Amino acid sequence: MANRADGRCLLSPGLKSGFDQKTHTHTDTQHFRQNACYPHIQDPASQRLTWNKPPVNVLVIRKIRDESLVEPFKELCRFLVEEKQMMVYVERRVADDATLSKDEAFGSIRNQLCTFREGYDDISDCIDLIICLGGDGTLLYASSLFQGSVPPVMAFHLGSLGFLTPFKFESYKTEVAKVFEGNAAITLRSRLKVKVVKDMLQRAGQQPYDQETQQQQQQQQEHNGLPPQGHTNSEAGKVTLQLQVLNEVVVDRGPSSYLSNVDLYLDGRLITSVQGDGVIVSTPTGSTAYAAAAGASMIHPNVPAIMVTPICPHSLSFRPIVVPAGVELMITLSPDARNTAWVSFDGRKRQEIQYGDCIKITTSCYPVPSICCHDLVYDWFESLAQCLHWNVRKRQARLADVSDSSDTEN
């Protein structure tokens, strides 16, 4: 079993998670007579959350700029503080909300809340459970607060879409009590570890895009082979940003009217150049977000994979692809790109990518343990049906008399 540093939460049986700073599936092998070796596939149903010690510190994340969530927020905090004797953490801007400040009846609860500010206070080592009130964006924001190990997340559907928020607030007391008792199903939602490296080529002592390099790349692409590493010195450059991303990394053409033209590398080898509006690199969780709108397949969050989806590619044959989790993808501007590119991470921290910069992406070892309402299979298909109306179609009527069918033999 694996536990957090304070020993409060465990996953069982035999499955490690972000709680011990490492994602791991059981890789014991079975040997057969032919000396073949086959990996044992971890049963997703065995991903369960139990508590080694009762949880004490609960982080409540509320969707801001939504007055309809003030009452549910107060109701949940009162329940956690008065009935469950929990230490509740909230953002300072939430606690300082004018509506809460004017509510004298809530004053005693408000004074017991622990507050923090994003980017200033580190609460990553003291939280046992996260409860989200809002939509999918609220869960994405909660994930961004923890750039290392992430506590279990319980998300209530109080937003617009709610694909990642399976719980209904009407029964919050019963659902929260069940989680505190333990033995809840867990979906380990993988994240992407992303680095933005500036001035990679100049720091490596190379000319960024000389004529010889352009000719070599063109020859490599014409032969459709896997070229050598070329200008992919991973030790060069200055890392200016490092993030854990739950949904996707989006590289696009920004305000320019020209095509985006970026090179995509996999483990140091040039795979292809993307000419279009941009490219999306997403997790299985993110495959139902922007990637789905761009024509990608939807992947269950338990599948260890990274999806690469072009945005409006100027090619009839550029289909989305899925690569194994653990490979390193790298995105740079192409030598003949007419403009720079822009990148965003789960829709935040948008910035410009210049010549010589690169974006390195791989699977993070810190997943987000998302608590299931029922189980990780049912919840996912329920979200597909309810939120995206997957495969909704008027049912074909049954024939009144089968003998009238034109393909029936006389």
Protein backbone atom coordinates (compact mmCIF):
# COMPACT_ATOMS: atom_id res chain seq x y z
CA MET A 1 0.00 0.00 0.00
CA ALA A 2 1.00 3.62 -0.43
CA ASN A 3 0.31 6.52 1.86
CA ARG A 4 0.69 10.25 2.09
CA ALA A 5 3.49 11.71 4.16
CA ASP A 6 1.16 12.01 7.15
CA GLY A 7 -0.05 8.45 6.74
CA ARG A 8 -3.72 9.42 6.46
CA CYS A 9 -4.85 8.00 3.12
CA LEU A 10 -4.16 4.77 1.36
CA LEU A 11 -4.96 3.11 -1.93
CA SER A 12 -5.55 -0.58 -1.86
CA PRO A 13 -4.62 -3.15 -2.84
CA GLY A 14 -1.03 -2.80 -4.03
CA LEU A 15 -1.55 0.34 -6.08
CA LYS A 16 0.60 3.39 -5.55
CA SER A 17 -0.45 6.85 -6.52
CA GLY A 18 0.55 10.48 -6.20
CA PHE A 19 0.26 10.03 -2.44
CA ASP A 20 3.75 8.56 -2.36
CA GLN A 21 4.94 10.86 -5.16
CA LYS A 22 4.87 8.12 -7.72
CA THR A 23 2.40 6.59 -10.17
CA HIS A 24 2.87 2.87 -10.42
CA THR A 25 0.90 -0.04 -11.75
CA HIS A 26 1.60 -3.59 -10.71
CA THR A 27 4.27 -4.96 -13.07
CA ASP A 28 4.89 -8.40 -11.62
CA THR A 29 5.16 -10.86 -14.49
CA GLN A 30 4.02 -14.40 -15.00
CA HIS A 31 6.31 -16.88 -16.72
CA PHE A 32 4.91 -19.50 -19.02
CA ARG A 33 6.38 -22.70 -20.44
CA GLN A 34 7.56 -20.91 -23.57
CA ASN A 35 9.61 -18.56 -21.35
CA ALA A 36 7.37 -15.72 -22.55
CA CYS A 37 6.84 -12.89 -20.12
CA TYR A 38 3.50 -11.09 -19.89
CA PRO A 39 2.72 -8.11 -17.63
CA HIS A 40 -0.13 -8.39 -15.16
CA ILE A 41 -2.81 -5.79 -15.89
CA GLN A 42 -4.03 -3.91 -12.83
CA ASP A 43 -7.77 -4.30 -12.23
CA PRO A 44 -9.23 -0.75 -12.15
CA ALA A 45 -11.85 -1.95 -9.67
CA SER A 46 -9.06 -2.46 -7.13
CA GLN A 47 -8.39 1.28 -6.97
CA ARG A 48 -9.97 2.09 -3.62
CA LEU A 49 -9.46 4.89 -1.15
CA THR A 50 -9.19 4.02 2.53
CA TRP A 51 -8.04 6.08 5.50
CA ASN A 52 -5.20 4.97 7.71
CA LYS A 53 -6.12 7.86 10.02
CA PRO A 54 -9.31 9.94 9.94
CA PRO A 55 -8.96 13.02 7.74
CA VAL A 56 -8.55 16.30 9.60
CA ASN A 57 -7.82 19.09 7.09
CA VAL A 58 -10.27 19.68 4.25
CA LEU A 59 -9.75 22.18 1.43
CA VAL A 60 -13.00 23.61 0.02
CA ILE A 61 -12.68 25.18 -3.44
CA ARG A 62 -15.65 27.25 -4.56
CA LYS A 63 -16.32 28.61 -8.01
CA ILE A 64 -15.92 32.38 -7.75
CA ARG A 65 -18.14 35.01 -9.38
CA ASP A 66 -21.18 32.77 -8.89
CA GLU A 67 -23.55 34.01 -6.22
CA SER A 68 -25.66 30.86 -6.44
CA LEU A 69 -22.86 28.92 -4.75
CA VAL A 70 -22.68 31.09 -1.62
CA GLU A 71 -25.41 29.19 0.23
CA PRO A 72 -24.08 25.69 -0.66
CA PHE A 73 -20.61 26.86 0.40
CA LYS A 74 -21.86 28.09 3.79
CA GLU A 75 -23.91 24.94 4.30
CA LEU A 76 -20.92 22.67 3.56
CA CYS A 77 -18.52 24.65 5.77
CA ARG A 78 -20.99 24.62 8.67
CA PHE A 79 -21.41 20.86 8.28
CA LEU A 80 -17.64 20.23 8.18
CA VAL A 81 -16.81 22.51 11.12
CA GLU A 82 -19.73 21.90 13.48
CA GLU A 83 -20.73 18.32 12.78
CA LYS A 84 -17.48 16.76 11.57
CA GLN A 85 -15.03 18.94 13.57
CA MET A 86 -12.82 19.42 10.53
CA MET A 87 -10.20 22.08 9.94
CA VAL A 88 -11.46 23.80 6.78
CA TYR A 89 -9.16 25.69 4.40
CA VAL A 90 -10.52 28.20 1.88
CA GLU A 91 -9.05 30.90 -0.34
CA ARG A 92 -8.77 34.29 1.29
CA ARG A 93 -10.72 35.95 -1.53
CA VAL A 94 -13.56 33.52 -0.87
CA ALA A 95 -13.56 34.13 2.89
CA ASP A 96 -13.45 37.90 2.30
CA ASP A 97 -16.48 37.80 0.03
CA ALA A 98 -18.83 40.67 0.88
CA THR A 99 -21.83 38.36 1.08
CA LEU A 100 -20.13 36.19 3.70
CA SER A 101 -18.86 39.20 5.66
CA LYS A 102 -22.38 40.59 6.02
CA ASP A 103 -23.85 37.28 7.22
CA GLU A 104 -23.69 37.52 11.03
CA ALA A 105 -25.08 34.00 11.46
CA PHE A 106 -22.11 32.62 9.51
CA GLY A 107 -19.60 34.78 11.35
CA SER A 108 -18.63 32.16 13.95
CA ILE A 109 -17.91 29.61 11.20
CA ARG A 110 -16.06 32.15 9.07
CA ASN A 111 -13.73 32.99 11.95
CA GLN A 112 -12.70 29.32 12.19
CA LEU A 113 -11.76 28.98 8.53
CA CYS A 114 -8.08 28.80 7.60
CA THR A 115 -7.29 31.01 4.62
CA PHE A 116 -4.54 30.98 2.01
CA ARG A 117 -3.53 32.89 -1.12
CA GLU A 118 -2.62 31.20 -4.39
CA GLY A 119 1.04 31.72 -5.21
CA TYR A 120 1.91 32.89 -1.69
CA ASP A 121 0.92 30.16 0.79
CA ASP A 122 1.91 26.51 0.37
CA ILE A 123 -0.76 24.17 1.72
CA SER A 124 0.24 21.10 -0.27
CA ASP A 125 1.54 19.17 2.75
CA CYS A 126 -1.34 19.78 5.14
CA ILE A 127 -4.49 18.91 3.15
CA ASP A 128 -6.12 15.48 3.49
CA LEU A 129 -9.13 15.95 1.22
CA ILE A 130 -10.27 18.45 -1.43
CA ILE A 131 -13.97 19.23 -1.95
CA CYS A 132 -14.88 21.21 -5.08
CA LEU A 133 -18.11 23.17 -5.53
CA GLY A 134 -18.51 24.20 -9.16
CA GLY A 135 -17.81 22.76 -12.57
CA ASP A 136 -14.90 21.16 -14.38
CA GLY A 137 -12.89 24.38 -14.26
CA THR A 138 -13.04 24.32 -10.46
CA LEU A 139 -11.42 20.89 -10.39
CA LEU A 140 -8.78 22.04 -12.87
CA TYR A 141 -8.00 24.97 -10.61
CA ALA A 142 -7.76 22.69 -7.57
CA SER A 143 -5.29 20.51 -9.47
CA SER A 144 -3.13 23.54 -10.26
CA LEU A 145 -2.74 24.33 -6.55
CA PHE A 146 -0.84 21.06 -6.05
CA GLN A 147 2.25 20.80 -8.21
CA GLY A 148 3.34 17.66 -6.36
CA SER A 149 1.30 15.00 -4.61
CA VAL A 150 -2.46 15.65 -4.77
CA PRO A 151 -4.96 14.69 -2.03
CA PRO A 152 -8.18 12.88 -3.00
CA VAL A 153 -10.66 15.17 -4.75
CA MET A 154 -14.43 15.05 -4.27
CA ALA A 155 -16.22 17.21 -6.87
CA PHE A 156 -19.85 18.35 -6.62
CA HIS A 157 -21.69 19.31 -9.79
CA LEU A 158 -22.62 22.98 -9.34
CA GLY A 159 -21.28 24.35 -12.62
CA SER A 160 -22.16 24.27 -16.31
CA LEU A 161 -20.92 21.02 -17.85
CA GLY A 162 -19.94 18.80 -14.93
CA PHE A 163 -18.10 16.05 -16.81
CA LEU A 164 -15.54 15.71 -13.99
CA THR A 165 -17.98 16.40 -11.14
CA PRO A 166 -20.06 13.26 -10.47
CA PHE A 167 -21.58 14.15 -7.08
CA LYS A 168 -24.89 15.95 -6.56
CA PHE A 169 -24.97 18.50 -3.78
CA GLU A 170 -28.50 17.60 -2.65
CA SER A 171 -27.08 14.52 -0.88
CA TYR A 172 -23.76 16.05 0.21
CA LYS A 173 -24.01 14.97 3.87
CA THR A 174 -24.46 11.33 2.95
CA GLU A 175 -21.77 11.39 0.26
CA VAL A 176 -19.18 13.20 2.40
CA ALA A 177 -19.86 10.83 5.30
CA LYS A 178 -19.25 7.85 2.99
CA VAL A 179 -15.91 9.29 1.90
CA PHE A 180 -14.85 9.91 5.51
CA GLU A 181 -15.69 6.29 6.29
CA GLY A 182 -13.37 5.20 3.46
CA ASN A 183 -13.44 2.44 0.85
CA ALA A 184 -14.42 4.77 -2.01
CA ALA A 185 -13.64 4.07 -5.66
CA ILE A 186 -10.86 6.21 -7.12
CA THR A 187 -9.97 7.27 -10.65
CA LEU A 188 -6.29 8.19 -10.97
CA ARG A 189 -6.34 10.99 -13.53
CA SER A 190 -2.87 11.31 -15.02
CA ARG A 191 -1.34 14.77 -15.50
CA LEU A 192 1.29 16.14 -17.85
CA LYS A 193 4.60 17.49 -16.61
CA VAL A 194 5.38 20.47 -18.81
CA LYS A 195 8.56 22.54 -19.12
CA VAL A 196 8.99 25.70 -21.16
CA VAL A 197 12.65 26.08 -22.15
CA LYS A 198 13.84 29.44 -23.52
CA ASP A 199 16.80 30.04 -25.85
CA MET A 200 17.55 26.34 -26.15
CA LEU A 201 19.55 26.54 -29.37
CA GLN A 202 21.53 29.67 -28.58
CA ARG A 203 22.61 28.34 -25.21
CA ALA A 204 23.69 25.10 -26.84
CA GLY A 205 26.04 27.11 -29.06
CA GLN A 206 24.12 26.31 -32.24
CA GLN A 207 22.78 28.52 -34.98
CA PRO A 208 19.04 28.18 -34.55
CA TYR A 209 17.93 27.58 -38.11
CA ASP A 210 20.69 27.68 -40.68
CA GLN A 211 20.21 26.60 -44.28
CA GLU A 212 21.86 23.22 -43.79
CA THR A 213 19.51 22.35 -40.95
CA GLN A 214 16.50 23.29 -43.06
CA GLN A 215 17.67 21.09 -45.94
CA GLN A 216 18.25 18.15 -43.59
CA GLN A 217 14.77 18.47 -42.13
CA GLN A 218 13.17 18.68 -45.55
CA GLN A 219 15.01 15.53 -46.69
CA GLN A 220 13.97 13.73 -43.53
CA GLN A 221 10.33 14.64 -43.99
CA GLU A 222 10.37 13.69 -47.67
CA HIS A 223 11.64 10.21 -46.83
CA ASN A 224 9.07 9.96 -43.98
CA GLY A 225 11.65 8.35 -41.74
CA LEU A 226 12.69 8.85 -38.15
CA PRO A 227 15.56 11.32 -38.17
CA PRO A 228 18.38 11.51 -35.64
CA GLN A 229 18.05 13.80 -32.65
CA GLY A 230 19.45 16.85 -34.42
CA HIS A 231 19.00 20.07 -32.44
CA THR A 232 17.32 18.54 -29.33
CA ASN A 233 19.93 19.05 -26.64
CA SER A 234 17.83 18.48 -23.49
CA GLU A 235 20.48 20.02 -21.24
CA ALA A 236 20.53 23.38 -23.06
CA GLY A 237 18.34 26.38 -22.45
CA LYS A 238 16.74 27.91 -19.40
CA VAL A 239 13.58 26.42 -17.88
CA THR A 240 11.28 29.40 -17.32
CA LEU A 241 8.12 27.51 -16.38
CA GLN A 242 7.31 24.04 -15.06
CA LEU A 243 3.71 22.95 -14.49
CA GLN A 244 1.48 19.97 -13.81
CA VAL A 245 -1.40 19.97 -16.31
CA LEU A 246 -4.58 17.93 -15.93
CA ASN A 247 -6.37 18.53 -19.26
CA GLU A 248 -4.15 19.72 -22.08
CA VAL A 249 -1.34 21.85 -23.45
CA VAL A 250 -2.50 23.92 -26.42
CA VAL A 251 -0.08 25.44 -28.93
CA ASP A 252 -1.76 27.75 -31.43
CA ARG A 253 -1.04 30.56 -33.90
CA GLY A 254 -2.27 33.28 -31.55
CA PRO A 255 -3.34 36.57 -33.20
CA SER A 256 -1.40 35.88 -36.41
CA SER A 257 -3.27 35.21 -39.64
CA TYR A 258 -0.55 32.80 -40.83
CA LEU A 259 -0.62 29.05 -40.32
CA SER A 260 1.01 27.81 -37.18
CA ASN A 261 4.10 25.80 -38.14
CA VAL A 262 5.67 23.78 -35.34
CA ASP A 263 7.85 20.66 -35.21
CA LEU A 264 6.84 17.73 -33.02
CA TYR A 265 9.51 15.48 -31.52
CA LEU A 266 9.05 12.21 -29.65
CA ASP A 267 11.95 11.12 -27.44
CA GLY A 268 14.28 13.41 -29.38
CA ARG A 269 13.23 12.28 -32.85
CA LEU A 270 11.34 14.46 -35.30
CA ILE A 271 7.92 12.92 -35.91
CA THR A 272 6.17 15.53 -38.00
CA SER A 273 5.56 19.23 -38.56
CA VAL A 274 2.15 20.62 -37.69
CA GLN A 275 0.81 23.18 -40.17
CA GLY A 276 -2.59 24.50 -39.19
CA ASP A 277 -4.18 26.40 -36.34
CA GLY A 278 -2.14 24.51 -33.77
CA VAL A 279 -1.84 21.27 -31.82
CA ILE A 280 -3.30 19.88 -28.59
CA VAL A 281 -1.36 17.52 -26.31
CA SER A 282 -3.82 16.09 -23.82
CA THR A 283 -4.24 13.53 -21.08
CA PRO A 284 -7.04 10.94 -21.27
CA THR A 285 -9.00 13.25 -18.95
CA GLY A 286 -8.46 16.09 -21.44
CA SER A 287 -9.53 13.93 -24.38
CA THR A 288 -13.16 14.84 -23.64
CA ALA A 289 -12.40 18.59 -23.59
CA TYR A 290 -10.78 20.69 -26.36
CA ALA A 291 -9.38 17.57 -28.04
CA ALA A 292 -12.88 16.11 -28.49
CA ALA A 293 -14.00 19.37 -30.13
CA ALA A 294 -11.02 19.06 -32.50
CA GLY A 295 -12.04 15.56 -33.59
CA ALA A 296 -10.06 13.30 -31.25
CA SER A 297 -11.26 10.06 -29.75
CA MET A 298 -12.36 10.00 -26.12
CA ILE A 299 -10.11 7.94 -23.85
CA HIS A 300 -11.02 6.56 -20.43
CA PRO A 301 -8.87 8.28 -17.77
CA ASN A 302 -7.44 4.96 -16.61
CA VAL A 303 -5.71 4.37 -19.97
CA PRO A 304 -1.99 5.29 -19.70
CA ALA A 305 -1.55 7.46 -22.78
CA ILE A 306 -0.93 10.92 -24.22
CA MET A 307 -3.04 12.18 -27.11
CA VAL A 308 -1.77 14.48 -29.86
CA THR A 309 -4.51 16.26 -31.81
CA PRO A 310 -3.98 18.81 -34.60
CA ILE A 311 -6.24 21.86 -34.69
CA CYS A 312 -7.60 22.43 -38.21
CA PRO A 313 -4.51 20.94 -39.94
CA HIS A 314 -3.91 21.94 -43.55
CA SER A 315 -3.73 18.28 -44.49
CA LEU A 316 -6.37 15.68 -45.28
CA SER A 317 -4.40 12.85 -43.67
CA PHE A 318 -3.39 14.30 -40.31
CA ARG A 319 -5.37 12.23 -37.81
CA PRO A 320 -5.08 12.47 -34.01
CA ILE A 321 -2.64 9.96 -32.55
CA VAL A 322 -2.19 8.29 -29.16
CA VAL A 323 1.32 7.65 -27.80
CA PRO A 324 2.35 5.70 -24.69
CA ALA A 325 2.48 7.45 -21.35
CA GLY A 326 6.07 8.14 -20.34
CA VAL A 327 7.47 9.27 -23.69
CA GLU A 328 8.76 12.84 -23.92
CA LEU A 329 7.18 15.09 -26.52
CA MET A 330 8.86 18.31 -27.55
CA ILE A 331 7.36 21.15 -29.58
CA THR A 332 9.42 23.88 -31.27
CA LEU A 333 8.84 26.44 -33.97
CA SER A 334 9.71 25.09 -37.43
CA PRO A 335 12.70 26.70 -39.20
CA ASP A 336 10.44 28.19 -41.88
CA ALA A 337 7.64 29.31 -39.57
CA ARG A 338 6.31 32.74 -40.58
CA ASN A 339 5.21 33.70 -37.09
CA THR A 340 5.64 32.78 -33.43
CA ALA A 341 3.30 30.47 -31.54
CA TRP A 342 1.36 30.76 -28.30
CA VAL A 343 0.89 28.15 -25.59
CA SER A 344 -1.56 27.73 -22.72
CA PHE A 345 -1.86 25.14 -19.96
CA ASP A 346 -5.38 24.08 -18.97
CA GLY A 347 -6.44 27.43 -20.37
CA ARG A 348 -4.10 29.43 -18.10
CA LYS A 349 -0.66 31.09 -18.11
CA ARG A 350 -0.78 31.82 -21.83
CA GLN A 351 2.56 32.95 -23.27
CA GLU A 352 4.40 33.40 -26.56
CA ILE A 353 6.89 30.86 -27.92
CA GLN A 354 9.76 32.39 -29.88
CA TYR A 355 12.39 30.86 -32.19
CA GLY A 356 14.77 28.74 -30.16
CA ASP A 357 12.21 28.04 -27.42
CA CYS A 358 10.70 24.64 -26.81
CA ILE A 359 7.94 22.96 -24.82
CA LYS A 360 8.73 19.57 -23.26
CA ILE A 361 5.85 17.34 -22.22
CA THR A 362 5.74 13.96 -20.52
CA THR A 363 3.47 12.06 -18.13
CA SER A 364 3.67 13.35 -14.58
CA CYS A 365 4.21 11.04 -11.63
CA TYR A 366 1.60 13.00 -9.66
CA PRO A 367 -1.93 12.04 -10.79
CA VAL A 368 -5.15 13.50 -9.43
CA PRO A 369 -7.05 10.91 -7.34
CA SER A 370 -10.65 11.69 -8.24
CA ILE A 371 -13.26 10.08 -5.98
CA CYS A 372 -16.01 8.27 -7.90
CA CYS A 373 -19.69 8.54 -7.11
CA HIS A 374 -20.35 4.95 -8.19
CA ASP A 375 -17.30 3.44 -9.89
CA LEU A 376 -14.73 4.59 -12.43
CA VAL A 377 -16.45 2.88 -15.39
CA TYR A 378 -20.06 3.83 -14.63
CA ASP A 379 -19.19 7.44 -13.79
CA TRP A 380 -17.35 7.95 -17.08
CA PHE A 381 -20.10 6.56 -19.29
CA GLU A 382 -22.70 8.43 -17.28
CA SER A 383 -20.81 11.67 -17.97
CA LEU A 384 -20.56 10.83 -21.69
CA ALA A 385 -24.32 10.30 -21.84
CA GLN A 386 -25.47 13.17 -19.62
CA CYS A 387 -22.94 15.88 -20.52
CA LEU A 388 -21.97 15.16 -24.11
CA HIS A 389 -25.08 13.18 -25.19
CA TRP A 390 -22.81 10.50 -26.60
CA ASN A 391 -24.49 8.36 -29.28
CA VAL A 392 -27.90 9.93 -28.74
CA ARG A 393 -30.20 9.02 -31.61
CA LYS A 394 -33.87 8.41 -32.15
CA ARG A 395 -34.46 4.66 -31.99
CA GLN A 396 -35.26 2.83 -35.19
CA ALA A 397 -38.82 1.53 -35.18
CA ARG A 398 -39.46 -2.18 -35.29
CA LEU A 399 -41.14 -3.61 -38.40
CA ALA A 400 -44.77 -4.56 -37.80
CA ASP A 401 -44.56 -7.57 -40.10
CA VAL A 402 -41.13 -9.11 -40.67
CA SER A 403 -42.39 -10.92 -43.75
CA ASP A 404 -42.79 -7.57 -45.50
CA SER A 405 -39.03 -6.96 -45.42
CA SER A 406 -37.54 -6.66 -48.92
CA ASP A 407 -34.60 -8.91 -48.06
CA THR A 408 -36.75 -11.81 -46.83
CA GLU A 409 -36.71 -14.85 -49.07
CA ASN A 410 -40.05 -16.03 -50.50
